[in-house]
């Protein structure tokens, strides 16, 4: 159950709440009025007390929105960089300013002659410096509400620092597989003299592999009830494919990088492979070589078939691309596919924004090198597999709800491009609201300091604390109303 700040007495914690601040201000105002009535015999005191009581009633009747603040608490350890700066350095600076103004009041106004106005000034400064804590707390409200809103989209993050980083990011890396495409391939065709044999060998080689292409091959083999061979000498080449031995023959299935690795020339089928890739297909090559080569055989291997795959793209991925381009964010797409395949399958993506035909390790190295060269920038990477520990790389990890959540990661379950847009838009919107609240608290503090110190300069300023109090309510409402956001989604 959430803790609340609604305590029965005026305590330090209660001063953090709007109701506590109002009560504290009214108590001081009432004390001042009674002092004026008893000591200075001023007839306006009854009017002052009545006006304060009326303000208290109206304020609590119409603006006592404790649910906005008091039911939304955030631990200090889980606050953003913005909040931490507020609660430490800014709070210290505010009290240094208070001390500075008090010393100035002593020197400039011969305070020992007129102590009443010094006490009034001191109490007002303490009152509104205490109210500054409310502004600091209110600055965190958009960030607290953002966490709730992001959670509505099956997404979560551990620390509000990530909101600040995401809002300041101008570079995003997207893994095409799973982010732009559905990462669900299906075997469309087999180009071979004996397709059944090719499928049997391919499913045998990939029976223990969890790649989406392997899953498509195994599903097709199970559908056609094709048995598997026992495979020995299995080797997996990351981003290339798999090799293994059946009886006295070695087999290899993968891309052109693997064929070069095992010294197999694709030959006449290379033209067919390129043609299929230009149509937006993903093509794997299956080849075989004798287990024992003769010395004079330079390249005894032969290609026995091409396996042709296809996959669908995510709905609204074009909208996602256009949205980030409109936000003036530099997008870079990463993929292990051939560029010709990607340019046909994925529309509306610029050719120079695609880094193609690279392994998972090469993707990681590419992003890390960019981040290392530009340490002053924040980068976002969106993928299913990649996770970075760099402080200037924010990980958007999709469809992995059990992934360990650190302060630099945001998890998105049941991902789709529309959801990503909504999450990003709400995060940036709430951060702007929090920044406004934070900056507004500085302006408010400056105004209150000037008004409070002016008590010392003006002898006819009996209502100044009341004006300042009304100003604090107005400023407070600006912060609260600014925090309330109507969502399109």
Foldseek 3Di string as FASTA:
>chain_A
DFDFLPDDDQDLSVLLAPLSLLVVLLVVQLVLLVCCCPPVVDPCSVVSNVVSVVCNCVCCVPPVPRCLQGRQDDDPVQAAPLLVCCVPVVLVVLVVVLVVLLVVLCVPQVCVVPVVLSVQLNVLSVSVSSCLSNLSSLLCSLLSVLQVVLVVQVKHARHSNQLVLLLQAQAEEEACQVAFFVQAKAFDDKFFPDVLVVLQALLQLLVPPDRNVNVNSVVVCVVVVPDHAHWAPWDADFLFWIWTDGDFKIKTKGDPVVCVVVVADAPPCVVVCVVLLLQLKFKMWMKMATNDDDPVDPHRMYTGIITIMHTATFPCVLVLVVVSVVVNHQYAYEELGDLSNCPNRPDPDDSVRYDYNDGPVVVVVVVVVVCVVCVVHAYEYEDQDDDDPRPRYAYEHEQDVPDDHDNRYMYRYPDGSVSVVQSSVSSNLSNVLSVVSSVLSVVLSVVSSVLSSCSSVDVPCSCSSVVNVVVSVVSVVVSSVSSDDDDPD
